[in-house]
Amino acid sequence: MLKKELILTAAVSLALLAFSGCKFDYEESMMAEDLAEEIPDTILKNFSQVMVKESVPTFYIEADESMSFGKRKETIFTDVHFQEYDKDGTVVTDGHADNARMFNETESVELWGGLIFYSDREEASLEGEYLYWDNEKSTLSGKPDDRISIVENDGSEIAGKGFFADSRTKSIKFSSQVSGTWNNE
């Protein structure tokens, strides 16, 4: 009987020692979750996509790299070229940015670095370092301290900081340091 008690005591002691060193590390689990937000779900090289509506292309995008972040619900593009088409399939806007971030749920887009766009509709080009397209409001805005310049085909040129454009009202505003000449013909 003493031998059985010794074996049982030894087994219980070993079990207690083994389980006393085990604990669930919540901090490690939370760190893995945070890391999951920083690691892309998908990375695509030489990415291109055409959006089509009623058999007509509406938007084309190509990028050196596309990274999708499912948890953050956004996609980041590097060295981006894009084109917007009218209802007849004619290119109406052509643009480039070093980087872009698309917010997948709203389809709003943040663009930064080496921005240059040309709008055939407006017969004008736009250059700058940062813009944000708010898809719900149909507005395009720059940062308060970033300079945006617009040049029309007729030679009109205007630049300033705090750029804001509303595509619904076809209005453009600058909040500071505006310069240039504009023909209102």
N, C-alpha and C. Protein backbone atom coordinates (compact mmCIF):
# COMPACT_ATOMS: atom_id res chain seq x y z
N MET A 1 0.81 -1.18 0.00
CA MET A 1 0.00 0.00 0.00
C MET A 1 0.86 1.26 0.00
N LEU A 2 1.93 1.26 0.71
CA LEU A 2 2.84 2.40 0.77
C LEU A 2 3.43 2.69 -0.60
N LYS A 3 3.72 1.67 -1.37
CA LYS A 3 4.29 1.82 -2.70
C LYS A 3 3.27 2.52 -3.61
N LYS A 4 1.97 2.13 -3.51
CA LYS A 4 0.91 2.75 -4.32
C LYS A 4 0.76 4.22 -3.94
N GLU A 5 0.83 4.53 -2.62
CA GLU A 5 0.70 5.91 -2.17
C GLU A 5 1.87 6.75 -2.65
N LEU A 6 3.07 6.20 -2.63
CA LEU A 6 4.24 6.92 -3.13
C LEU A 6 4.11 7.20 -4.63
N ILE A 7 3.66 6.22 -5.38
CA ILE A 7 3.50 6.39 -6.83
C ILE A 7 2.42 7.43 -7.09
N LEU A 8 1.30 7.34 -6.35
CA LEU A 8 0.20 8.30 -6.52
C LEU A 8 0.66 9.71 -6.13
N THR A 9 1.39 9.85 -5.03
CA THR A 9 1.89 11.15 -4.59
C THR A 9 2.87 11.71 -5.60
N ALA A 10 3.75 10.87 -6.13
CA ALA A 10 4.72 11.30 -7.14
C ALA A 10 3.99 11.75 -8.41
N ALA A 11 2.97 11.01 -8.82
CA ALA A 11 2.21 11.35 -10.02
C ALA A 11 1.49 12.69 -9.85
N VAL A 12 0.86 12.88 -8.66
CA VAL A 12 0.15 14.13 -8.39
C VAL A 12 1.15 15.28 -8.33
N SER A 13 2.30 15.06 -7.70
CA SER A 13 3.33 16.11 -7.61
C SER A 13 3.83 16.50 -8.99
N LEU A 14 4.10 15.52 -9.85
CA LEU A 14 4.55 15.81 -11.22
C LEU A 14 3.48 16.57 -11.99
N ALA A 15 2.22 16.16 -11.81
CA ALA A 15 1.13 16.84 -12.51
C ALA A 15 1.02 18.29 -12.05
N LEU A 16 1.13 18.51 -10.71
CA LEU A 16 1.08 19.87 -10.20
C LEU A 16 2.24 20.72 -10.70
N LEU A 17 3.43 20.14 -10.75
CA LEU A 17 4.58 20.86 -11.27
C LEU A 17 4.38 21.21 -12.75
N ALA A 18 3.89 20.25 -13.50
CA ALA A 18 3.69 20.47 -14.93
C ALA A 18 2.66 21.56 -15.18
N PHE A 19 1.52 21.50 -14.46
CA PHE A 19 0.46 22.48 -14.69
C PHE A 19 0.73 23.83 -14.05
N SER A 20 1.57 23.87 -13.04
CA SER A 20 1.85 25.15 -12.41
C SER A 20 2.66 26.05 -13.34
N GLY A 21 3.42 25.46 -14.25
CA GLY A 21 4.20 26.24 -15.21
C GLY A 21 3.39 26.63 -16.43
N CYS A 22 2.18 26.12 -16.57
CA CYS A 22 1.34 26.42 -17.73
C CYS A 22 0.38 27.54 -17.41
N LYS A 23 0.34 28.49 -18.25
CA LYS A 23 -0.65 29.54 -18.15
C LYS A 23 -0.88 30.08 -19.56
N PHE A 24 -2.06 30.59 -19.82
CA PHE A 24 -2.37 31.14 -21.13
C PHE A 24 -1.89 32.58 -21.15
N ASP A 25 -1.05 32.91 -22.09
CA ASP A 25 -0.46 34.23 -22.19
C ASP A 25 -1.34 35.12 -23.08
N TYR A 26 -2.22 35.89 -22.45
CA TYR A 26 -3.14 36.76 -23.17
C TYR A 26 -2.39 37.86 -23.91
N GLU A 27 -1.31 38.34 -23.34
CA GLU A 27 -0.53 39.40 -23.97
C GLU A 27 0.03 38.93 -25.31
N GLU A 28 0.52 37.70 -25.36
CA GLU A 28 1.04 37.15 -26.60
C GLU A 28 -0.06 37.02 -27.64
N SER A 29 -1.25 36.62 -27.21
CA SER A 29 -2.39 36.48 -28.11
C SER A 29 -2.80 37.84 -28.66
N MET A 30 -2.83 38.86 -27.82
CA MET A 30 -3.19 40.20 -28.26
C MET A 30 -2.15 40.75 -29.22
N MET A 31 -0.88 40.46 -28.96
CA MET A 31 0.19 40.92 -29.84
C MET A 31 0.05 40.28 -31.22
N ALA A 32 -0.32 39.01 -31.26
CA ALA A 32 -0.51 38.32 -32.54
C ALA A 32 -1.68 38.93 -33.30
N GLU A 33 -2.74 39.33 -32.59
CA GLU A 33 -3.88 39.98 -33.22
C GLU A 33 -3.48 41.33 -33.80
N ASP A 34 -2.72 42.12 -33.03
CA ASP A 34 -2.24 43.42 -33.51
C ASP A 34 -1.35 43.26 -34.73
N LEU A 35 -0.50 42.25 -34.69
CA LEU A 35 0.40 41.98 -35.80
C LEU A 35 -0.38 41.60 -37.05
N ALA A 36 -1.50 40.90 -36.86
CA ALA A 36 -2.33 40.49 -37.99
C ALA A 36 -2.86 41.69 -38.75
N GLU A 37 -3.06 42.82 -38.07
CA GLU A 37 -3.52 44.02 -38.74
C GLU A 37 -2.41 44.66 -39.57
N GLU A 38 -1.17 44.41 -39.23
CA GLU A 38 -0.03 45.01 -39.92
C GLU A 38 0.51 44.15 -41.06
N ILE A 39 0.12 42.89 -41.10
CA ILE A 39 0.60 41.99 -42.14
C ILE A 39 -0.49 41.84 -43.19
N PRO A 40 -0.17 42.12 -44.46
CA PRO A 40 -1.20 42.01 -45.51
C PRO A 40 -1.68 40.58 -45.69
N ASP A 41 -2.98 40.46 -46.01
CA ASP A 41 -3.55 39.15 -46.33
C ASP A 41 -3.08 38.69 -47.71
N THR A 42 -2.94 39.66 -48.62
CA THR A 42 -2.55 39.37 -50.00
C THR A 42 -1.60 40.43 -50.49
N ILE A 43 -0.55 40.00 -51.19
CA ILE A 43 0.37 40.92 -51.87
C ILE A 43 0.39 40.51 -53.34
N LEU A 44 0.07 41.45 -54.20
CA LEU A 44 0.09 41.18 -55.64
C LEU A 44 1.10 42.11 -56.29
N LYS A 45 1.96 41.57 -57.12
CA LYS A 45 2.94 42.36 -57.88
C LYS A 45 2.38 42.58 -59.28
N ASN A 46 2.74 43.71 -59.89
CA ASN A 46 2.27 44.06 -61.24
C ASN A 46 0.76 43.92 -61.34
N PHE A 47 0.08 44.56 -60.42
CA PHE A 47 -1.37 44.49 -60.28
C PHE A 47 -2.06 45.35 -61.33
N SER A 48 -3.15 44.86 -61.89
CA SER A 48 -4.02 45.68 -62.73
C SER A 48 -5.46 45.20 -62.59
N GLN A 49 -6.40 46.14 -62.69
CA GLN A 49 -7.81 45.81 -62.55
C GLN A 49 -8.62 46.80 -63.38
N VAL A 50 -9.65 46.28 -64.03
CA VAL A 50 -10.58 47.11 -64.78
C VAL A 50 -11.96 46.91 -64.16
N MET A 51 -12.61 48.03 -63.80
CA MET A 51 -13.98 47.96 -63.31
C MET A 51 -14.89 48.24 -64.49
N VAL A 52 -15.90 47.40 -64.65
CA VAL A 52 -16.79 47.48 -65.81
C VAL A 52 -18.23 47.63 -65.32
N LYS A 53 -18.98 48.50 -65.99
CA LYS A 53 -20.40 48.68 -65.68
C LYS A 53 -21.16 48.67 -67.00
N GLU A 54 -22.11 47.75 -67.09
CA GLU A 54 -22.90 47.60 -68.31
C GLU A 54 -22.02 47.45 -69.55
N SER A 55 -21.03 46.57 -69.44
CA SER A 55 -20.11 46.21 -70.52
C SER A 55 -19.17 47.33 -70.96
N VAL A 56 -19.09 48.41 -70.19
CA VAL A 56 -18.20 49.52 -70.52
C VAL A 56 -17.24 49.72 -69.35
N PRO A 57 -15.92 49.85 -69.63
CA PRO A 57 -14.99 50.10 -68.52
C PRO A 57 -15.30 51.46 -67.87
N THR A 58 -15.24 51.50 -66.54
CA THR A 58 -15.47 52.76 -65.82
C THR A 58 -14.20 53.26 -65.15
N PHE A 59 -13.34 52.32 -64.77
CA PHE A 59 -12.12 52.69 -64.06
C PHE A 59 -11.06 51.62 -64.28
N TYR A 60 -9.82 52.05 -64.46
CA TYR A 60 -8.70 51.14 -64.63
C TYR A 60 -7.61 51.55 -63.65
N ILE A 61 -7.01 50.57 -63.01
CA ILE A 61 -5.91 50.85 -62.09
C ILE A 61 -4.82 49.82 -62.30
N GLU A 62 -3.57 50.29 -62.29
CA GLU A 62 -2.44 49.37 -62.28
C GLU A 62 -1.44 49.90 -61.26
N ALA A 63 -0.72 48.96 -60.64
CA ALA A 63 0.24 49.33 -59.61
C ALA A 63 1.37 48.32 -59.59
N ASP A 64 2.54 48.78 -59.17
CA ASP A 64 3.66 47.85 -59.00
C ASP A 64 3.32 46.80 -57.96
N GLU A 65 2.60 47.24 -56.92
CA GLU A 65 2.25 46.33 -55.84
C GLU A 65 0.91 46.72 -55.22
N SER A 66 0.13 45.70 -54.87
CA SER A 66 -1.14 45.89 -54.18
C SER A 66 -1.11 45.01 -52.93
N MET A 67 -1.38 45.62 -51.78
CA MET A 67 -1.40 44.86 -50.52
C MET A 67 -2.77 45.03 -49.87
N SER A 68 -3.47 43.92 -49.66
CA SER A 68 -4.79 43.93 -49.05
C SER A 68 -4.69 43.60 -47.57
N PHE A 69 -5.34 44.43 -46.75
CA PHE A 69 -5.37 44.24 -45.30
C PHE A 69 -6.82 44.01 -44.91
N GLY A 70 -7.22 42.76 -44.77
CA GLY A 70 -8.60 42.41 -44.48
C GLY A 70 -9.12 42.97 -43.17
N LYS A 71 -8.33 42.87 -42.09
CA LYS A 71 -8.77 43.36 -40.79
C LYS A 71 -8.98 44.87 -40.81
N ARG A 72 -8.11 45.59 -41.51
CA ARG A 72 -8.22 47.06 -41.59
C ARG A 72 -9.18 47.49 -42.69
N LYS A 73 -9.59 46.55 -43.53
CA LYS A 73 -10.50 46.82 -44.64
C LYS A 73 -9.96 47.91 -45.56
N GLU A 74 -8.68 47.74 -45.95
CA GLU A 74 -8.06 48.68 -46.86
C GLU A 74 -7.05 47.98 -47.75
N THR A 75 -6.76 48.63 -48.87
CA THR A 75 -5.78 48.13 -49.82
C THR A 75 -4.80 49.25 -50.10
N ILE A 76 -3.51 48.93 -50.07
CA ILE A 76 -2.47 49.92 -50.33
C ILE A 76 -1.79 49.57 -51.64
N PHE A 77 -1.61 50.59 -52.49
CA PHE A 77 -0.97 50.42 -53.79
C PHE A 77 0.30 51.26 -53.83
N THR A 78 1.32 50.77 -54.54
CA THR A 78 2.53 51.55 -54.77
C THR A 78 2.72 51.75 -56.26
N ASP A 79 3.25 52.92 -56.63
CA ASP A 79 3.46 53.33 -58.02
C ASP A 79 2.20 53.07 -58.85
N VAL A 80 1.20 53.89 -58.58
CA VAL A 80 -0.16 53.70 -59.10
C VAL A 80 -0.42 54.54 -60.35
N HIS A 81 -1.02 53.93 -61.34
CA HIS A 81 -1.52 54.63 -62.52
C HIS A 81 -3.00 54.29 -62.64
N PHE A 82 -3.83 55.30 -62.90
CA PHE A 82 -5.25 55.01 -63.02
C PHE A 82 -5.89 55.85 -64.11
N GLN A 83 -7.00 55.35 -64.61
CA GLN A 83 -7.77 56.04 -65.64
C GLN A 83 -9.25 55.91 -65.30
N GLU A 84 -9.98 57.00 -65.51
CA GLU A 84 -11.42 56.99 -65.37
C GLU A 84 -12.02 57.14 -66.77
N TYR A 85 -13.10 56.42 -67.02
CA TYR A 85 -13.73 56.44 -68.34
C TYR A 85 -15.13 57.04 -68.24
N ASP A 86 -15.60 57.65 -69.35
CA ASP A 86 -16.98 58.12 -69.38
C ASP A 86 -17.89 56.97 -69.82
N LYS A 87 -19.18 57.26 -69.97
CA LYS A 87 -20.15 56.21 -70.29
C LYS A 87 -19.93 55.59 -71.67
N ASP A 88 -19.15 56.27 -72.54
CA ASP A 88 -18.85 55.73 -73.86
C ASP A 88 -17.54 54.94 -73.88
N GLY A 89 -16.85 54.89 -72.74
CA GLY A 89 -15.59 54.16 -72.66
C GLY A 89 -14.38 54.97 -73.04
N THR A 90 -14.52 56.30 -73.11
CA THR A 90 -13.41 57.19 -73.43
C THR A 90 -12.73 57.63 -72.14
N VAL A 91 -11.39 57.65 -72.14
CA VAL A 91 -10.65 58.08 -70.96
C VAL A 91 -10.92 59.57 -70.72
N VAL A 92 -11.38 59.90 -69.51
CA VAL A 92 -11.65 61.30 -69.15
C VAL A 92 -10.69 61.82 -68.09
N THR A 93 -10.10 60.92 -67.31
CA THR A 93 -9.10 61.32 -66.31
C THR A 93 -7.98 60.29 -66.33
N ASP A 94 -6.76 60.79 -66.31
CA ASP A 94 -5.58 59.93 -66.29
C ASP A 94 -4.70 60.43 -65.16
N GLY A 95 -4.20 59.54 -64.31
CA GLY A 95 -3.43 60.01 -63.17
C GLY A 95 -2.38 59.04 -62.68
N HIS A 96 -1.49 59.58 -61.86
CA HIS A 96 -0.40 58.80 -61.25
C HIS A 96 -0.17 59.29 -59.83
N ALA A 97 0.18 58.35 -58.94
CA ALA A 97 0.58 58.67 -57.57
C ALA A 97 1.61 57.64 -57.14
N ASP A 98 2.53 58.06 -56.30
CA ASP A 98 3.52 57.11 -55.77
C ASP A 98 2.83 56.05 -54.91
N ASN A 99 1.82 56.48 -54.14
CA ASN A 99 1.12 55.58 -53.23
C ASN A 99 -0.36 55.92 -53.16
N ALA A 100 -1.16 54.90 -52.86
CA ALA A 100 -2.60 55.11 -52.66
C ALA A 100 -3.10 54.11 -51.63
N ARG A 101 -4.10 54.54 -50.87
CA ARG A 101 -4.75 53.67 -49.89
C ARG A 101 -6.25 53.74 -50.18
N MET A 102 -6.83 52.58 -50.50
CA MET A 102 -8.27 52.53 -50.74
C MET A 102 -8.95 51.95 -49.52
N PHE A 103 -9.96 52.66 -49.03
CA PHE A 103 -10.75 52.20 -47.90
C PHE A 103 -11.89 51.37 -48.51
N ASN A 104 -11.79 50.05 -48.37
CA ASN A 104 -12.63 49.12 -49.11
C ASN A 104 -14.12 49.28 -48.88
N GLU A 105 -14.54 49.64 -47.68
CA GLU A 105 -15.97 49.75 -47.40
C GLU A 105 -16.60 50.99 -48.03
N THR A 106 -15.86 52.10 -48.10
CA THR A 106 -16.42 53.35 -48.62
C THR A 106 -15.96 53.65 -50.03
N GLU A 107 -14.90 53.00 -50.47
CA GLU A 107 -14.24 53.27 -51.76
C GLU A 107 -13.65 54.67 -51.81
N SER A 108 -13.41 55.26 -50.65
CA SER A 108 -12.67 56.52 -50.58
C SER A 108 -11.19 56.17 -50.76
N VAL A 109 -10.41 57.16 -51.24
CA VAL A 109 -9.00 56.88 -51.57
C VAL A 109 -8.13 58.02 -51.07
N GLU A 110 -7.00 57.64 -50.47
CA GLU A 110 -5.97 58.59 -50.05
C GLU A 110 -4.79 58.40 -51.00
N LEU A 111 -4.28 59.49 -51.58
CA LEU A 111 -3.17 59.44 -52.54
C LEU A 111 -2.04 60.32 -52.02
N TRP A 112 -0.80 59.84 -52.15
CA TRP A 112 0.32 60.67 -51.71
C TRP A 112 1.57 60.37 -52.52
N GLY A 113 2.38 61.42 -52.67
CA GLY A 113 3.66 61.32 -53.37
C GLY A 113 3.54 61.43 -54.88
N GLY A 114 4.13 62.47 -55.44
CA GLY A 114 4.23 62.63 -56.89
C GLY A 114 2.90 62.55 -57.63
N LEU A 115 1.88 63.26 -57.14
CA LEU A 115 0.56 63.21 -57.76
C LEU A 115 0.53 64.06 -59.02
N ILE A 116 0.01 63.49 -60.09
CA ILE A 116 -0.26 64.25 -61.30
C ILE A 116 -1.46 63.63 -61.99
N PHE A 117 -2.47 64.47 -62.24
CA PHE A 117 -3.69 64.02 -62.91
C PHE A 117 -3.94 64.93 -64.09
N TYR A 118 -4.58 64.39 -65.11
CA TYR A 118 -5.07 65.21 -66.21
C TYR A 118 -6.52 64.84 -66.46
N SER A 119 -7.38 65.85 -66.48
CA SER A 119 -8.81 65.65 -66.74
C SER A 119 -9.13 66.18 -68.12
N ASP A 120 -9.54 65.29 -69.01
CA ASP A 120 -9.92 65.69 -70.35
C ASP A 120 -11.21 66.52 -70.30
N ARG A 121 -12.12 66.16 -69.41
CA ARG A 121 -13.38 66.90 -69.24
C ARG A 121 -13.13 68.35 -68.86
N GLU A 122 -12.23 68.53 -67.89
CA GLU A 122 -11.94 69.88 -67.37
C GLU A 122 -10.82 70.56 -68.15
N GLU A 123 -10.17 69.82 -69.04
CA GLU A 123 -9.03 70.32 -69.81
C GLU A 123 -8.00 70.98 -68.89
N ALA A 124 -7.64 70.23 -67.83
CA ALA A 124 -6.72 70.76 -66.83
C ALA A 124 -5.93 69.63 -66.18
N SER A 125 -4.75 69.99 -65.70
CA SER A 125 -3.94 69.04 -64.93
C SER A 125 -3.84 69.54 -63.50
N LEU A 126 -3.59 68.62 -62.61
CA LEU A 126 -3.46 68.91 -61.18
C LEU A 126 -2.21 68.21 -60.69
N GLU A 127 -1.40 68.92 -59.89
CA GLU A 127 -0.18 68.33 -59.32
C GLU A 127 -0.10 68.65 -57.84
N GLY A 128 0.48 67.72 -57.07
CA GLY A 128 0.66 67.94 -55.65
C GLY A 128 1.29 66.73 -54.99
N GLU A 129 1.23 66.72 -53.67
CA GLU A 129 1.84 65.63 -52.89
C GLU A 129 0.83 64.80 -52.11
N TYR A 130 -0.38 65.33 -51.90
CA TYR A 130 -1.38 64.58 -51.12
C TYR A 130 -2.79 65.00 -51.53
N LEU A 131 -3.67 64.00 -51.68
CA LEU A 131 -5.10 64.25 -51.91
C LEU A 131 -5.92 63.14 -51.27
N TYR A 132 -7.13 63.49 -50.86
CA TYR A 132 -8.05 62.51 -50.32
C TYR A 132 -9.37 62.61 -51.07
N TRP A 133 -9.80 61.50 -51.68
CA TRP A 133 -11.09 61.44 -52.37
C TRP A 133 -12.10 60.84 -51.41
N ASP A 134 -13.13 61.62 -51.06
CA ASP A 134 -14.22 61.15 -50.21
C ASP A 134 -15.33 60.70 -51.16
N ASN A 135 -15.47 59.42 -51.31
CA ASN A 135 -16.40 58.87 -52.30
C ASN A 135 -17.86 59.20 -51.98
N GLU A 136 -18.22 59.20 -50.71
CA GLU A 136 -19.61 59.49 -50.33
C GLU A 136 -19.99 60.93 -50.64
N LYS A 137 -19.08 61.87 -50.40
CA LYS A 137 -19.36 63.29 -50.60
C LYS A 137 -18.95 63.78 -51.98
N SER A 138 -18.21 62.95 -52.73
CA SER A 138 -17.67 63.34 -54.05
C SER A 138 -16.80 64.58 -53.94
N THR A 139 -15.94 64.60 -52.91
CA THR A 139 -15.03 65.73 -52.74
C THR A 139 -13.59 65.26 -52.77
N LEU A 140 -12.70 66.17 -53.16
CA LEU A 140 -11.28 65.91 -53.23
C LEU A 140 -10.61 66.99 -52.40
N SER A 141 -9.76 66.60 -51.45
CA SER A 141 -9.13 67.62 -50.60
C SER A 141 -7.67 67.30 -50.36
N GLY A 142 -6.91 68.38 -50.16
CA GLY A 142 -5.50 68.27 -49.81
C GLY A 142 -5.33 68.58 -48.34
N LYS A 143 -4.11 68.45 -47.88
CA LYS A 143 -3.80 68.82 -46.49
C LYS A 143 -3.67 70.34 -46.40
N PRO A 144 -3.93 70.91 -45.22
CA PRO A 144 -3.87 72.37 -45.07
C PRO A 144 -2.53 72.99 -45.47
N ASP A 145 -1.41 72.28 -45.27
CA ASP A 145 -0.10 72.85 -45.56
C ASP A 145 0.53 72.35 -46.85
N ASP A 146 -0.18 71.53 -47.62
CA ASP A 146 0.35 71.01 -48.88
C ASP A 146 -0.13 71.86 -50.05
N ARG A 147 0.78 72.13 -50.96
CA ARG A 147 0.49 72.96 -52.13
C ARG A 147 -0.03 72.09 -53.27
N ILE A 148 -1.11 72.54 -53.88
CA ILE A 148 -1.68 71.90 -55.06
C ILE A 148 -1.69 72.94 -56.18
N SER A 149 -1.30 72.53 -57.38
CA SER A 149 -1.37 73.45 -58.51
C SER A 149 -2.25 72.86 -59.61
N ILE A 150 -2.98 73.76 -60.27
CA ILE A 150 -3.88 73.39 -61.36
C ILE A 150 -3.51 74.23 -62.56
N VAL A 151 -3.35 73.58 -63.71
CA VAL A 151 -3.03 74.27 -64.96
C VAL A 151 -4.05 73.86 -66.00
N GLU A 152 -4.74 74.85 -66.60
CA GLU A 152 -5.70 74.56 -67.65
C GLU A 152 -5.02 74.65 -69.02
N ASN A 153 -5.62 74.02 -69.99
CA ASN A 153 -5.08 74.04 -71.36
C ASN A 153 -4.99 75.46 -71.93
N ASP A 154 -5.85 76.38 -71.47
CA ASP A 154 -5.85 77.75 -71.99
C ASP A 154 -4.74 78.61 -71.37
N GLY A 155 -3.92 78.02 -70.49
CA GLY A 155 -2.82 78.76 -69.88
C GLY A 155 -3.13 79.25 -68.48
N SER A 156 -4.37 79.16 -68.03
CA SER A 156 -4.70 79.54 -66.66
C SER A 156 -3.95 78.64 -65.70
N GLU A 157 -3.46 79.25 -64.63
CA GLU A 157 -2.73 78.48 -63.62
C GLU A 157 -3.02 79.06 -62.26
N ILE A 158 -3.33 78.18 -61.32
CA ILE A 158 -3.60 78.62 -59.95
C ILE A 158 -3.02 77.58 -59.00
N ALA A 159 -2.49 78.04 -57.88
CA ALA A 159 -1.90 77.13 -56.89
C ALA A 159 -2.18 77.69 -55.51
N GLY A 160 -2.18 76.81 -54.54
CA GLY A 160 -2.40 77.24 -53.17
C GLY A 160 -2.37 76.07 -52.21
N LYS A 161 -2.57 76.39 -50.96
CA LYS A 161 -2.60 75.37 -49.91
C LYS A 161 -4.04 75.21 -49.42
N GLY A 162 -4.33 74.05 -48.82
CA GLY A 162 -5.67 73.79 -48.31
C GLY A 162 -6.68 73.59 -49.43
N PHE A 163 -6.29 72.84 -50.45
CA PHE A 163 -7.14 72.59 -51.62
C PHE A 163 -8.39 71.82 -51.25
N PHE A 164 -9.53 72.20 -51.85
CA PHE A 164 -10.78 71.48 -51.69
C PHE A 164 -11.59 71.63 -52.96
N ALA A 165 -12.07 70.49 -53.50
CA ALA A 165 -12.91 70.51 -54.70
C ALA A 165 -14.14 69.66 -54.46
N ASP A 166 -15.27 70.16 -54.92
CA ASP A 166 -16.53 69.43 -54.82
C ASP A 166 -16.98 69.12 -56.24
N SER A 167 -17.01 67.83 -56.59
CA SER A 167 -17.36 67.47 -57.97
C SER A 167 -18.83 67.68 -58.26
N ARG A 168 -19.67 67.71 -57.24
CA ARG A 168 -21.11 67.92 -57.46
C ARG A 168 -21.41 69.37 -57.83
N THR A 169 -20.73 70.31 -57.17
CA THR A 169 -20.97 71.73 -57.46
C THR A 169 -19.94 72.30 -58.43
N LYS A 170 -18.96 71.48 -58.80
CA LYS A 170 -17.87 71.90 -59.70
C LYS A 170 -17.16 73.13 -59.15
N SER A 171 -16.91 73.13 -57.85
CA SER A 171 -16.23 74.27 -57.22
C SER A 171 -14.88 73.84 -56.67
N ILE A 172 -13.96 74.81 -56.67
CA ILE A 172 -12.60 74.60 -56.15
C ILE A 172 -12.30 75.73 -55.17
N LYS A 173 -11.66 75.38 -54.04
CA LYS A 173 -11.29 76.38 -53.04
C LYS A 173 -9.86 76.09 -52.57
N PHE A 174 -9.18 77.14 -52.16
CA PHE A 174 -7.90 77.04 -51.47
C PHE A 174 -8.05 77.84 -50.18
N SER A 175 -7.41 77.40 -49.10
CA SER A 175 -7.55 78.13 -47.84
C SER A 175 -6.43 79.15 -47.60
N SER A 176 -5.28 78.99 -48.29
CA SER A 176 -4.19 79.95 -48.06
C SER A 176 -3.17 79.93 -49.19
N GLN A 177 -2.36 80.98 -49.22
CA GLN A 177 -1.24 81.15 -50.15
C GLN A 177 -1.62 80.86 -51.60
N VAL A 178 -2.71 81.46 -52.04
CA VAL A 178 -3.20 81.29 -53.41
C VAL A 178 -2.46 82.25 -54.32
N SER A 179 -2.03 81.72 -55.49
CA SER A 179 -1.37 82.56 -56.48
C SER A 179 -1.70 82.03 -57.87
N GLY A 180 -1.52 82.92 -58.86
CA GLY A 180 -1.73 82.51 -60.24
C GLY A 180 -2.72 83.40 -60.95
N THR A 181 -3.01 83.03 -62.19
CA THR A 181 -3.99 83.75 -62.99
C THR A 181 -4.98 82.75 -63.56
N TRP A 182 -6.25 83.19 -63.64
CA TRP A 182 -7.32 82.31 -64.09
C TRP A 182 -8.18 83.04 -65.10
N ASN A 183 -8.38 82.44 -66.26
CA ASN A 183 -9.25 83.01 -67.28
C ASN A 183 -10.66 82.49 -67.06
N ASN A 184 -11.63 83.37 -66.96
CA ASN A 184 -13.03 82.97 -66.76
C ASN A 184 -13.83 83.05 -68.06
N GLU A 185 -13.31 82.54 -69.10
CA GLU A 185 -14.03 82.59 -70.38
C GLU A 185 -14.81 81.34 -70.60
